[in-house]
């Protein structure tokens, strides 16, 4: 589900930014808008569950 949300967010960003600017950008800020905080926390929890052993990242 997290992957689906990431794809949706990416496609919405591309739609809002338009066709001309399709490159990924980093703001350099650690701040996360409140609306995304829960999703970001769940994303990192899912990474932690995978672990770094065989089959993990």
N, C-alpha and C. Protein backbone atom coordinates (compact mmCIF):
# COMPACT_ATOMS: atom_id res chain seq x y z
N UNK A 1 0.81 -1.19 0.00
CA UNK A 1 0.00 0.00 0.00
C UNK A 1 0.86 1.26 0.00
N UNK A 2 1.97 1.22 0.72
CA UNK A 2 2.86 2.39 0.77
C UNK A 2 3.41 2.68 -0.62
N UNK A 3 3.77 1.63 -1.36
CA UNK A 3 4.28 1.84 -2.71
C UNK A 3 3.22 2.48 -3.61
N UNK A 4 1.99 2.05 -3.46
CA UNK A 4 0.90 2.65 -4.26
C UNK A 4 0.73 4.12 -3.92
N UNK A 5 0.83 4.45 -2.64
CA UNK A 5 0.71 5.86 -2.23
C UNK A 5 1.87 6.69 -2.78
N UNK A 6 3.07 6.11 -2.77
CA UNK A 6 4.22 6.84 -3.32
C UNK A 6 4.03 7.09 -4.81
N UNK A 7 3.55 6.08 -5.54
CA UNK A 7 3.31 6.26 -6.98
C UNK A 7 2.24 7.32 -7.23
N UNK A 8 1.17 7.29 -6.42
CA UNK A 8 0.11 8.28 -6.57
C UNK A 8 0.65 9.68 -6.31
N UNK A 9 1.41 9.84 -5.21
CA UNK A 9 1.98 11.15 -4.89
C UNK A 9 2.89 11.64 -6.01
N UNK A 10 3.69 10.74 -6.56
CA UNK A 10 4.61 11.12 -7.63
C UNK A 10 3.84 11.55 -8.88
N UNK A 11 2.80 10.78 -9.23
CA UNK A 11 2.03 11.15 -10.43
C UNK A 11 1.28 12.46 -10.23
N UNK A 12 0.76 12.69 -9.02
CA UNK A 12 0.10 13.97 -8.75
C UNK A 12 1.09 15.13 -8.82
N UNK A 13 2.28 14.93 -8.29
CA UNK A 13 3.29 15.99 -8.36
C UNK A 13 3.64 16.30 -9.81
N UNK A 14 3.81 15.27 -10.62
CA UNK A 14 4.12 15.50 -12.04
C UNK A 14 3.00 16.26 -12.72
N UNK A 15 1.77 15.92 -12.38
CA UNK A 15 0.63 16.60 -12.98
C UNK A 15 0.59 18.07 -12.58
N UNK A 16 0.84 18.35 -11.32
CA UNK A 16 0.81 19.73 -10.82
C UNK A 16 1.97 20.55 -11.38
N UNK A 17 3.15 19.96 -11.41
CA UNK A 17 4.33 20.68 -11.89
C UNK A 17 4.34 20.83 -13.40
N UNK A 18 3.60 20.02 -14.09
CA UNK A 18 3.53 20.11 -15.54
C UNK A 18 4.53 19.21 -16.23
N UNK A 19 4.41 19.15 -17.50
CA UNK A 19 5.23 18.27 -18.32
C UNK A 19 6.69 18.74 -18.41
N UNK A 20 6.92 20.03 -18.29
CA UNK A 20 8.27 20.56 -18.49
C UNK A 20 9.24 20.16 -17.39
N UNK A 21 8.76 20.01 -16.17
CA UNK A 21 9.66 19.73 -15.05
C UNK A 21 9.35 18.37 -14.45
N UNK A 22 9.99 17.32 -14.97
CA UNK A 22 9.73 15.95 -14.52
C UNK A 22 10.88 15.38 -13.70
N UNK A 23 11.86 16.18 -13.37
CA UNK A 23 12.99 15.65 -12.62
C UNK A 23 12.66 15.65 -11.13
N UNK A 24 13.22 14.68 -10.42
CA UNK A 24 13.02 14.61 -8.98
C UNK A 24 13.89 15.68 -8.32
N UNK A 25 13.35 16.30 -7.29
CA UNK A 25 14.10 17.32 -6.59
C UNK A 25 14.08 17.06 -5.09
N UNK A 26 15.10 17.51 -4.43
CA UNK A 26 15.18 17.42 -2.98
C UNK A 26 15.25 18.83 -2.43
N UNK A 27 14.49 19.09 -1.40
CA UNK A 27 14.48 20.44 -0.85
C UNK A 27 15.61 20.66 0.14
N UNK A 28 16.14 19.57 0.70
CA UNK A 28 17.19 19.69 1.70
C UNK A 28 16.64 19.90 3.09
N UNK A 29 15.33 20.03 3.21
CA UNK A 29 14.71 20.25 4.53
C UNK A 29 14.22 18.92 5.08
N UNK A 30 14.33 18.78 6.39
CA UNK A 30 13.83 17.58 7.06
C UNK A 30 12.36 17.73 7.45
N UNK A 31 11.81 18.90 7.23
CA UNK A 31 10.42 19.16 7.59
C UNK A 31 9.48 18.41 6.64
N UNK A 32 8.44 17.83 7.21
CA UNK A 32 7.44 17.11 6.43
C UNK A 32 6.09 17.76 6.71
N UNK A 33 5.33 18.10 5.66
CA UNK A 33 3.99 18.67 5.90
C UNK A 33 3.16 17.72 6.75
N UNK A 34 2.34 18.26 7.64
CA UNK A 34 1.55 17.45 8.56
C UNK A 34 0.73 16.38 7.84
N UNK A 35 0.20 16.69 6.69
CA UNK A 35 -0.60 15.73 5.94
C UNK A 35 0.17 14.50 5.50
N UNK A 36 1.48 14.60 5.41
CA UNK A 36 2.30 13.48 4.96
C UNK A 36 3.06 12.80 6.09
N UNK A 37 3.07 13.40 7.24
CA UNK A 37 3.88 12.88 8.35
C UNK A 37 3.57 11.42 8.65
N UNK A 38 2.29 11.07 8.74
CA UNK A 38 1.91 9.69 9.05
C UNK A 38 2.39 8.74 7.95
N UNK A 39 2.27 9.15 6.69
CA UNK A 39 2.72 8.31 5.58
C UNK A 39 4.24 8.12 5.60
N UNK A 40 4.96 9.19 5.90
CA UNK A 40 6.41 9.10 5.97
C UNK A 40 6.84 8.18 7.11
N UNK A 41 6.18 8.30 8.25
CA UNK A 41 6.50 7.43 9.38
C UNK A 41 6.24 5.96 9.04
N UNK A 42 5.12 5.70 8.37
CA UNK A 42 4.81 4.32 7.98
C UNK A 42 5.83 3.80 6.96
N UNK A 43 6.27 4.66 6.06
CA UNK A 43 7.28 4.28 5.08
C UNK A 43 8.56 3.81 5.77
N UNK A 44 9.02 4.59 6.75
CA UNK A 44 10.24 4.21 7.45
C UNK A 44 10.04 2.97 8.31
N UNK A 45 8.83 2.79 8.88
CA UNK A 45 8.56 1.56 9.63
C UNK A 45 8.61 0.36 8.70
N UNK A 46 8.08 0.49 7.48
CA UNK A 46 8.11 -0.62 6.53
C UNK A 46 9.54 -0.97 6.13
N UNK A 47 10.38 0.05 6.01
CA UNK A 47 11.80 -0.22 5.71
C UNK A 47 12.46 -0.95 6.86
N UNK A 48 12.14 -0.54 8.07
CA UNK A 48 12.74 -1.17 9.26
C UNK A 48 12.29 -2.64 9.38
N UNK A 49 11.04 -2.92 9.02
CA UNK A 49 10.55 -4.30 9.09
C UNK A 49 11.29 -5.20 8.11
N UNK A 50 11.67 -4.65 6.97
CA UNK A 50 12.40 -5.43 5.96
C UNK A 50 13.77 -5.85 6.49
N UNK A 51 14.37 -4.99 7.26
CA UNK A 51 15.71 -5.28 7.80
C UNK A 51 16.77 -5.17 6.73
N UNK A 52 17.99 -5.44 7.14
CA UNK A 52 19.11 -5.35 6.21
C UNK A 52 19.74 -6.71 5.94
N UNK A 53 19.09 -7.78 6.38
CA UNK A 53 19.59 -9.13 6.14
C UNK A 53 19.23 -9.61 4.76
N UNK A 54 19.38 -10.91 4.51
CA UNK A 54 19.03 -11.47 3.20
C UNK A 54 17.59 -11.14 2.83
N UNK A 55 17.40 -10.67 1.62
CA UNK A 55 16.08 -10.29 1.16
C UNK A 55 15.68 -8.88 1.55
N UNK A 56 16.45 -8.23 2.40
CA UNK A 56 16.15 -6.86 2.80
C UNK A 56 16.80 -5.89 1.85
N UNK A 57 16.93 -4.70 2.28
CA UNK A 57 17.53 -3.66 1.44
C UNK A 57 19.02 -3.86 1.37
